[in-house]
Amino acid sequence: MRQLIFLFLFTFPLLTYSQTPQNIHFQDIDNFWIAYDSIRSTTNREQQINFINRLYIDKASEGLKAFLKNKQNPDIKWVDLINNDQNFWNSIRPNTIIAKTQVNNLQNSIDFLRTLYPNLKDAATYFIIGFRQQGGTIRNNLSIIGTEVIMSQPNSAELTRICIHEYVHTQQVRPDFQNINVLISSIREGACDFISELVSKQNLSLPYIKYGLENEVKV
């Protein structure tokens, strides 16, 4: 039965992408901290905005560029976030560097996922520093990981799980978000969590899962 559920969830309509080599990118993390140090070296707001633009945004990877699409005044937002909560950034910095050591674990998980589903389409994974709002999102076949959110606690297992979750999203048809409903969202998100559970070989203990099991009839 479990195999049948897996087959249903993962064959839920897929997009067709051109094949590109699987790759995992961390350069945006390094660029952010270079910009951060420069911003902290001055109280001149104009210079701070120049630093975040020149050292981070202008050097954006393909993933960060996709993340920034349609974002209004991201330079101002980052400067404000940096200036308003220095304790957070100082505490999270070592953890974002730790994330870079997990590339082998992530690649091994993707390779294992491919053994479960040989038709897996390649996607590129980009680790960025965002606005402290999203742990992960996608843009077409780009999986974008908000490292500052995921690594607020240095948990390599959770990092891998989120990466696989977002990777699976890249395999799904993009819904019409103007007409999305609870059922569509449940299938999309549930499929990603279910498959990340298969790959990690660990039961997920997410709040919504706990609530669902305790309120199955009501749900």
C-alpha atoms as a PDB file:
ATOM      1  CA  MET A   1       0.000   0.000   0.000  1.00  0.00           C
ATOM      2  CA  ARG A   2       2.828   2.394   0.872  1.00  0.00           C
ATOM      3  CA  GLN A   3       4.371   1.843  -2.565  1.00  0.00           C
ATOM      4  CA  LEU A   4       1.034   2.619  -4.227  1.00  0.00           C
ATOM      5  CA  ILE A   5       0.677   5.856  -2.268  1.00  0.00           C
ATOM      6  CA  PHE A   6       4.229   6.803  -3.207  1.00  0.00           C
ATOM      7  CA  LEU A   7       3.535   6.111  -6.875  1.00  0.00           C
ATOM      8  CA  PHE A   8       0.393   8.249  -6.783  1.00  0.00           C
ATOM      9  CA  LEU A   9       2.010  11.171  -5.033  1.00  0.00           C
ATOM     10  CA  PHE A  10       5.128  11.276  -7.106  1.00  0.00           C
ATOM     11  CA  THR A  11       3.373  10.838 -10.436  1.00  0.00           C
ATOM     12  CA  PHE A  12       1.063  13.743  -9.593  1.00  0.00           C
ATOM     13  CA  PRO A  13       1.436  15.821 -12.814  1.00  0.00           C
ATOM     14  CA  LEU A  14       5.047  16.651 -13.531  1.00  0.00           C
ATOM     15  CA  LEU A  15       6.607  19.505 -15.463  1.00  0.00           C
ATOM     16  CA  THR A  16       8.959  18.871 -18.324  1.00  0.00           C
ATOM     17  CA  TYR A  17      12.363  20.530 -17.923  1.00  0.00           C
ATOM     18  CA  SER A  18      15.456  20.415 -20.058  1.00  0.00           C
ATOM     19  CA  GLN A  19      18.087  18.226 -18.457  1.00  0.00           C
ATOM     20  CA  THR A  20      20.820  20.127 -16.650  1.00  0.00           C
ATOM     21  CA  PRO A  21      23.522  18.748 -14.361  1.00  0.00           C
ATOM     22  CA  GLN A  22      22.530  18.519 -10.713  1.00  0.00           C
ATOM     23  CA  ASN A  23      24.374  21.216  -8.784  1.00  0.00           C
ATOM     24  CA  ILE A  24      24.380  22.730  -5.340  1.00  0.00           C
ATOM     25  CA  HIS A  25      25.448  26.337  -4.821  1.00  0.00           C
ATOM     26  CA  PHE A  26      26.619  28.163  -1.700  1.00  0.00           C
ATOM     27  CA  GLN A  27      28.256  31.320  -3.070  1.00  0.00           C
ATOM     28  CA  ASP A  28      25.416  33.587  -1.947  1.00  0.00           C
ATOM     29  CA  ILE A  29      26.163  32.704   1.679  1.00  0.00           C
ATOM     30  CA  ASP A  30      29.771  33.825   1.311  1.00  0.00           C
ATOM     31  CA  ASN A  31      28.793  36.995  -0.539  1.00  0.00           C
ATOM     32  CA  PHE A  32      26.208  37.922   2.073  1.00  0.00           C
ATOM     33  CA  TRP A  33      28.711  37.810   4.929  1.00  0.00           C
ATOM     34  CA  ILE A  34      31.203  39.881   2.963  1.00  0.00           C
ATOM     35  CA  ALA A  35      28.463  42.471   2.470  1.00  0.00           C
ATOM     36  CA  TYR A  36      27.417  42.149   6.105  1.00  0.00           C
ATOM     37  CA  ASP A  37      30.914  42.925   7.418  1.00  0.00           C
ATOM     38  CA  SER A  38      31.121  45.958   5.172  1.00  0.00           C
ATOM     39  CA  ILE A  39      27.700  47.197   6.296  1.00  0.00           C
ATOM     40  CA  ARG A  40      28.683  46.828   9.938  1.00  0.00           C
ATOM     41  CA  SER A  41      31.839  48.870   9.329  1.00  0.00           C
ATOM     42  CA  THR A  42      29.894  52.085   8.835  1.00  0.00           C
ATOM     43  CA  THR A  43      26.802  53.874  10.096  1.00  0.00           C
ATOM     44  CA  ASN A  44      26.365  55.744   6.832  1.00  0.00           C
ATOM     45  CA  ARG A  45      23.102  54.398   5.421  1.00  0.00           C
ATOM     46  CA  GLU A  46      23.914  55.334   1.842  1.00  0.00           C
ATOM     47  CA  GLN A  47      27.177  53.399   2.042  1.00  0.00           C
ATOM     48  CA  GLN A  48      25.389  50.459   3.660  1.00  0.00           C
ATOM     49  CA  ILE A  49      22.888  50.276   0.815  1.00  0.00           C
ATOM     50  CA  ASN A  50      25.736  50.516  -1.669  1.00  0.00           C
ATOM     51  CA  PHE A  51      27.497  47.597   0.030  1.00  0.00           C
ATOM     52  CA  ILE A  52      24.492  45.255  -0.026  1.00  0.00           C
ATOM     53  CA  ASN A  53      23.926  46.046  -3.688  1.00  0.00           C
ATOM     54  CA  ARG A  54      27.512  45.839  -4.855  1.00  0.00           C
ATOM     55  CA  LEU A  55      28.678  42.898  -2.743  1.00  0.00           C
ATOM     56  CA  TYR A  56      25.551  40.739  -2.562  1.00  0.00           C
ATOM     57  CA  ILE A  57      22.767  41.631  -4.984  1.00  0.00           C
ATOM     58  CA  ASP A  58      24.984  42.471  -7.959  1.00  0.00           C
ATOM     59  CA  LYS A  59      26.846  39.173  -7.475  1.00  0.00           C
ATOM     60  CA  ALA A  60      23.665  37.139  -7.122  1.00  0.00           C
ATOM     61  CA  SER A  61      23.581  33.554  -8.288  1.00  0.00           C
ATOM     62  CA  GLU A  62      20.852  32.385 -10.629  1.00  0.00           C
ATOM     63  CA  GLY A  63      18.913  31.223  -7.582  1.00  0.00           C
ATOM     64  CA  LEU A  64      19.167  34.527  -5.732  1.00  0.00           C
ATOM     65  CA  LYS A  65      18.201  36.416  -8.889  1.00  0.00           C
ATOM     66  CA  ALA A  66      15.092  34.246  -9.190  1.00  0.00           C
ATOM     67  CA  PHE A  67      14.291  34.799  -5.501  1.00  0.00           C
ATOM     68  CA  LEU A  68      14.565  38.578  -5.945  1.00  0.00           C
ATOM     69  CA  LYS A  69      12.261  38.742  -8.942  1.00  0.00           C
ATOM     70  CA  ASN A  70       9.380  41.124  -8.212  1.00  0.00           C
ATOM     71  CA  LYS A  71      10.832  41.970  -4.778  1.00  0.00           C
ATOM     72  CA  GLN A  72      10.579  45.684  -4.016  1.00  0.00           C
ATOM     73  CA  ASN A  73      13.592  47.478  -2.471  1.00  0.00           C
ATOM     74  CA  PRO A  74      15.417  44.354  -1.272  1.00  0.00           C
ATOM     75  CA  ASP A  75      18.566  46.353  -0.559  1.00  0.00           C
ATOM     76  CA  ILE A  76      16.750  48.562   1.966  1.00  0.00           C
ATOM     77  CA  LYS A  77      15.059  45.554   3.523  1.00  0.00           C
ATOM     78  CA  TRP A  78      18.362  43.722   4.068  1.00  0.00           C
ATOM     79  CA  VAL A  79      20.078  46.783   5.509  1.00  0.00           C
ATOM     80  CA  ASP A  80      17.198  47.298   7.939  1.00  0.00           C
ATOM     81  CA  LEU A  81      17.219  43.629   8.974  1.00  0.00           C
ATOM     82  CA  ILE A  82      20.959  43.744   9.584  1.00  0.00           C
ATOM     83  CA  ASN A  83      20.851  46.959  11.596  1.00  0.00           C
ATOM     84  CA  ASN A  84      17.792  46.033  13.634  1.00  0.00           C
ATOM     85  CA  ASP A  85      18.883  42.640  14.947  1.00  0.00           C
ATOM     86  CA  GLN A  86      22.629  42.247  15.154  1.00  0.00           C
ATOM     87  CA  ASN A  87      22.327  39.514  17.781  1.00  0.00           C
ATOM     88  CA  PHE A  88      20.431  37.291  15.377  1.00  0.00           C
ATOM     89  CA  TRP A  89      22.961  37.655  12.581  1.00  0.00           C
ATOM     90  CA  ASN A  90      25.911  37.100  14.894  1.00  0.00           C
ATOM     91  CA  SER A  91      24.300  33.938  16.258  1.00  0.00           C
ATOM     92  CA  ILE A  92      23.267  32.530  12.884  1.00  0.00           C
ATOM     93  CA  ARG A  93      26.540  33.138  11.066  1.00  0.00           C
ATOM     94  CA  PRO A  94      28.406  29.989  12.207  1.00  0.00           C
ATOM     95  CA  ASN A  95      25.353  27.865  11.419  1.00  0.00           C
ATOM     96  CA  THR A  96      25.115  29.123   7.840  1.00  0.00           C
ATOM     97  CA  ILE A  97      28.740  28.138   7.359  1.00  0.00           C
ATOM     98  CA  ILE A  98      27.973  24.681   8.766  1.00  0.00           C
ATOM     99  CA  ALA A  99      25.344  24.289   6.048  1.00  0.00           C
ATOM    100  CA  LYS A 100      28.124  24.223   3.465  1.00  0.00           C
ATOM    101  CA  THR A 101      29.513  21.043   5.013  1.00  0.00           C
ATOM    102  CA  GLN A 102      26.293  19.166   4.231  1.00  0.00           C
ATOM    103  CA  VAL A 103      26.721  19.092   0.463  1.00  0.00           C
ATOM    104  CA  ASN A 104      27.676  15.405   0.426  1.00  0.00           C
ATOM    105  CA  ASN A 105      24.696  14.439   2.581  1.00  0.00           C
ATOM    106  CA  LEU A 106      22.378  16.349   0.304  1.00  0.00           C
ATOM    107  CA  GLN A 107      23.849  14.887  -2.868  1.00  0.00           C
ATOM    108  CA  ASN A 108      23.615  11.384  -1.420  1.00  0.00           C
ATOM    109  CA  SER A 109      19.965  11.995  -0.568  1.00  0.00           C
ATOM    110  CA  ILE A 110      19.238  13.184  -4.105  1.00  0.00           C
ATOM    111  CA  ASP A 111      21.035  10.141  -5.520  1.00  0.00           C
ATOM    112  CA  PHE A 112      18.931   7.884  -3.285  1.00  0.00           C
ATOM    113  CA  LEU A 113      15.783   9.685  -4.373  1.00  0.00           C
ATOM    114  CA  ARG A 114      16.721   8.928  -7.959  1.00  0.00           C
ATOM    115  CA  THR A 115      16.919   5.216  -7.146  1.00  0.00           C
ATOM    116  CA  LEU A 116      13.342   5.435  -5.844  1.00  0.00           C
ATOM    117  CA  TYR A 117      12.199   7.444  -8.835  1.00  0.00           C
ATOM    118  CA  PRO A 118      14.524   7.008 -11.850  1.00  0.00           C
ATOM    119  CA  ASN A 119      12.653   9.642 -13.891  1.00  0.00           C
ATOM    120  CA  LEU A 120      13.627  12.363 -11.437  1.00  0.00           C
ATOM    121  CA  LYS A 121      14.384  15.566 -13.295  1.00  0.00           C
ATOM    122  CA  ASP A 122      17.478  17.530 -12.407  1.00  0.00           C
ATOM    123  CA  ALA A 123      17.126  20.693 -10.352  1.00  0.00           C
ATOM    124  CA  ALA A 124      19.678  23.164  -9.045  1.00  0.00           C
ATOM    125  CA  THR A 125      19.770  23.902  -5.317  1.00  0.00           C
ATOM    126  CA  TYR A 126      20.798  27.373  -4.154  1.00  0.00           C
ATOM    127  CA  PHE A 127      21.519  28.275  -0.546  1.00  0.00           C
ATOM    128  CA  ILE A 128      20.871  31.978  -0.019  1.00  0.00           C
ATOM    129  CA  ILE A 129      20.418  34.420   2.845  1.00  0.00           C
ATOM    130  CA  GLY A 130      16.919  35.823   2.562  1.00  0.00           C
ATOM    131  CA  PHE A 131      14.588  38.024   4.588  1.00  0.00           C
ATOM    132  CA  ARG A 132      14.065  35.671   7.559  1.00  0.00           C
ATOM    133  CA  GLN A 133      10.686  34.636   6.124  1.00  0.00           C
ATOM    134  CA  GLN A 134      11.051  31.452   4.067  1.00  0.00           C
ATOM    135  CA  GLY A 135      12.958  28.268   4.740  1.00  0.00           C
ATOM    136  CA  GLY A 136      12.536  27.135   1.185  1.00  0.00           C
ATOM    137  CA  THR A 137      10.850  27.994  -2.095  1.00  0.00           C
ATOM    138  CA  ILE A 138      11.207  27.171  -5.771  1.00  0.00           C
ATOM    139  CA  ARG A 139      11.338  28.970  -9.079  1.00  0.00           C
ATOM    140  CA  ASN A 140      10.755  26.475 -11.903  1.00  0.00           C
ATOM    141  CA  ASN A 141      13.629  23.969 -11.580  1.00  0.00           C
ATOM    142  CA  LEU A 142      15.512  26.026  -9.008  1.00  0.00           C
ATOM    143  CA  SER A 143      15.270  25.006  -5.359  1.00  0.00           C
ATOM    144  CA  ILE A 144      16.052  28.004  -3.142  1.00  0.00           C
ATOM    145  CA  ILE A 145      16.910  27.455   0.508  1.00  0.00           C
ATOM    146  CA  GLY A 146      16.638  30.288   3.044  1.00  0.00           C
ATOM    147  CA  THR A 147      19.676  29.257   5.049  1.00  0.00           C
ATOM    148  CA  GLU A 148      19.169  31.884   7.748  1.00  0.00           C
ATOM    149  CA  VAL A 149      15.783  30.308   8.566  1.00  0.00           C
ATOM    150  CA  ILE A 150      16.633  26.616   8.262  1.00  0.00           C
ATOM    151  CA  MET A 151      19.896  26.920  10.163  1.00  0.00           C
ATOM    152  CA  SER A 152      18.539  28.971  13.048  1.00  0.00           C
ATOM    153  CA  GLN A 153      19.240  25.656  14.768  1.00  0.00           C
ATOM    154  CA  PRO A 154      22.202  23.703  13.305  1.00  0.00           C
ATOM    155  CA  ASN A 155      20.283  20.530  12.419  1.00  0.00           C
ATOM    156  CA  SER A 156      21.766  18.777   9.396  1.00  0.00           C
ATOM    157  CA  ALA A 157      18.898  16.277   9.211  1.00  0.00           C
ATOM    158  CA  GLU A 158      16.332  19.079   9.019  1.00  0.00           C
ATOM    159  CA  LEU A 159      18.414  20.874   6.405  1.00  0.00           C
ATOM    160  CA  THR A 160      18.485  17.774   4.204  1.00  0.00           C
ATOM    161  CA  ARG A 161      14.765  17.191   4.712  1.00  0.00           C
ATOM    162  CA  ILE A 162      13.872  20.721   3.626  1.00  0.00           C
ATOM    163  CA  CYS A 163      16.160  20.460   0.613  1.00  0.00           C
ATOM    164  CA  ILE A 164      14.494  17.227  -0.514  1.00  0.00           C
ATOM    165  CA  HIS A 165      11.065  18.734   0.164  1.00  0.00           C
ATOM    166  CA  GLU A 166      11.822  21.683  -2.117  1.00  0.00           C
ATOM    167  CA  TYR A 167      13.491  19.434  -4.685  1.00  0.00           C
ATOM    168  CA  VAL A 168      10.274  17.443  -4.985  1.00  0.00           C
ATOM    169  CA  HIS A 169       8.336  20.672  -5.528  1.00  0.00           C
ATOM    170  CA  THR A 170      10.435  21.266  -8.651  1.00  0.00           C
ATOM    171  CA  GLN A 171       9.000  18.050 -10.081  1.00  0.00           C
ATOM    172  CA  GLN A 172       5.370  19.125  -9.676  1.00  0.00           C
ATOM    173  CA  VAL A 173       3.134  21.134 -11.954  1.00  0.00           C
ATOM    174  CA  ARG A 174       2.849  24.708 -10.773  1.00  0.00           C
ATOM    175  CA  PRO A 175      -0.762  25.228  -9.679  1.00  0.00           C
ATOM    176  CA  ASP A 176      -2.925  28.242 -10.381  1.00  0.00           C
ATOM    177  CA  PHE A 177      -2.302  30.065  -7.131  1.00  0.00           C
ATOM    178  CA  GLN A 178      -5.323  32.279  -7.782  1.00  0.00           C
ATOM    179  CA  ASN A 179      -7.564  29.231  -7.494  1.00  0.00           C
ATOM    180  CA  ILE A 180      -5.639  26.941  -5.178  1.00  0.00           C
ATOM    181  CA  ASN A 181      -7.582  25.129  -2.463  1.00  0.00           C
ATOM    182  CA  VAL A 182      -6.885  23.077   0.650  1.00  0.00           C
ATOM    183  CA  LEU A 183      -6.921  19.751  -1.211  1.00  0.00           C
ATOM    184  CA  ILE A 184      -4.375  20.874  -3.800  1.00  0.00           C
ATOM    185  CA  SER A 185      -2.141  22.335  -1.101  1.00  0.00           C
ATOM    186  CA  SER A 186      -2.427  19.177   0.987  1.00  0.00           C
ATOM    187  CA  ILE A 187      -1.416  16.948  -1.917  1.00  0.00           C
ATOM    188  CA  ARG A 188       1.455  19.197  -2.949  1.00  0.00           C
ATOM    189  CA  GLU A 189       2.915  19.702   0.509  1.00  0.00           C
ATOM    190  CA  GLY A 190       2.043  16.256   1.799  1.00  0.00           C
ATOM    191  CA  ALA A 191       3.725  14.601  -1.180  1.00  0.00           C
ATOM    192  CA  CYS A 192       6.928  16.522  -0.518  1.00  0.00           C
ATOM    193  CA  ASP A 193       6.958  15.650   3.170  1.00  0.00           C
ATOM    194  CA  PHE A 194       6.053  12.016   2.471  1.00  0.00           C
ATOM    195  CA  ILE A 195       8.890  11.607  -0.012  1.00  0.00           C
ATOM    196  CA  SER A 196      11.400  13.435   2.189  1.00  0.00           C
ATOM    197  CA  GLU A 197      10.410  10.965   4.915  1.00  0.00           C
ATOM    198  CA  LEU A 198      11.111   8.035   2.578  1.00  0.00           C
ATOM    199  CA  VAL A 199      14.488   9.462   1.645  1.00  0.00           C
ATOM    200  CA  SER A 200      15.544  10.278   5.213  1.00  0.00           C
ATOM    201  CA  LYS A 201      14.105   6.982   6.531  1.00  0.00           C
ATOM    202  CA  GLN A 202      12.879   8.921   9.555  1.00  0.00           C
ATOM    203  CA  ASN A 203       9.342   9.657  10.684  1.00  0.00           C
ATOM    204  CA  LEU A 204       8.576  13.349  10.528  1.00  0.00           C
ATOM    205  CA  SER A 205       7.321  15.002  13.701  1.00  0.00           C
ATOM    206  CA  LEU A 206       5.989  18.214  12.208  1.00  0.00           C
ATOM    207  CA  PRO A 207       3.159  20.027  14.056  1.00  0.00           C
ATOM    208  CA  TYR A 208       0.646  19.548  11.247  1.00  0.00           C
ATOM    209  CA  ILE A 209       1.310  15.804  11.173  1.00  0.00           C
ATOM    210  CA  LYS A 210       0.801  15.519  14.908  1.00  0.00           C
ATOM    211  CA  TYR A 211      -2.420  17.526  14.668  1.00  0.00           C
ATOM    212  CA  GLY A 212      -3.657  15.437  11.742  1.00  0.00           C
ATOM    213  CA  LEU A 213      -3.096  12.143  13.533  1.00  0.00           C
ATOM    214  CA  GLU A 214      -4.826  13.414  16.657  1.00  0.00           C
ATOM    215  CA  ASN A 215      -7.761  14.883  14.700  1.00  0.00           C
ATOM    216  CA  GLU A 216      -8.047  12.480  11.773  1.00  0.00           C
ATOM    217  CA  VAL A 217     -11.846  12.201  11.810  1.00  0.00           C
ATOM    218  CA  LYS A 218     -12.335  15.963  12.136  1.00  0.00           C
ATOM    219  CA  VAL A 219      -9.849  16.705   9.350  1.00  0.00           C
END
